[in-house]
Amino acid sequence: MKVIAYRAAFLAAAVALASIPLFAADSKLTGTVLDENGTPVAGAKISVTTSHQKDFSAAASADEAGRFEVTVPNAKWEYEVRVEHDGFSPSLSEAPSAKIPMSVTMHPPFPGAAPPPPPKVDPGIAAYNDGVELIQKGDKPGAEKKFDEAVAAKADLAPAWKVISQLAYERKDYAKALASGRKALELDAKNEDLYGILMDSAQKTGDSAGALAYKKKFVAANADNPEVNFNSGVESYTAGDYPGAAAAFAKAVQLKPDMANGYFWLAMSEYNQKSYPASRRDFQKYLSLAPQGDQADNAKKMLESIPAK
């Protein structure tokens, strides 16, 4: 028997798990800038940083009502907020999280006080933030150019390399997706969600060994996902690796005991290894879970073909 219907399943799961949003939908730091009389300070410049992510920096300007909004990586983190405007002393505040709107009061400068030096903005970080803004506006080509500028200015900016890999993969530039994803992992080994993209990109560029290596890493990183284990089993079964398929299917049904198809293909893998008692047991388990399932007739025929001993 063949598993043609499932041949693309593993890649579909891998790419789906590799696709992640840049920021959570509610990750907005908001606030209002007022003077001592409660008048809005329109045009005030806001700079936001956080100790939780050293390479993060964002900027905004207050509108006519003194309001501002800044996209941040995590709504629960604390943020340092610097506010500046001509005619006022700089204000430095701490926001305990992005969930509570801020209110910043600006004060006139002390007599004789020297103007503060302008904040230093790393050009790589600035380009990265511009790229994030373009992503949020739906301009992916423009965003990719900004992320390319970011890594040209700051080669160790792992988040930028990661998004470049994702964007390149979306437009089927597999060579760039592979090179950028490898760089992102080199800089930050926690970018395990790129394994699916790297696996498929390696395969598409003719790097079969690399594709296999990333497949193994992808499966290991998602060891507790029954669908990933099932799809890995399908890949192994299709390649004729019945012991490997059996191990993957066994893990899938262990994690999800009601996965009927997992038992069917586990039984098929066992049958091909001549493990007939186990194969009989798992065909019967499939039929108990899915008596009218797509593979019910095949399961019954296989049970009839299994030797009595």
Foldseek 3Di string as FASTA:
>chain_A
DADVVQQCVLLVVLVVLLDDDQADPLQKAKAFEAEPVRAGDFFKKKKKDAPVDHLAIWIWTQHNRRMTMTGDRAQQGKMWMWIDDPQWAIDIDIDRGRPDYYYHYTYGDDPPDDHDDDDDDQQLNVLQNVLSVCVVVVNNVSSLVSLVVNCVRPVLPLVSLSVNLVSCVVVPVLVSNQVSVVSSCVNPVVSLSSLSSNLVSCVVVPNPVSNVVSLVSNCVVPVLALSNLQSQLSNCVNVVNLVSNLVSLVSSCVNPVLPLVSLQSNLVSCVVVLVQVSSLVSLVSSCVNCVPDPCNVVSVVVNVVRDPD
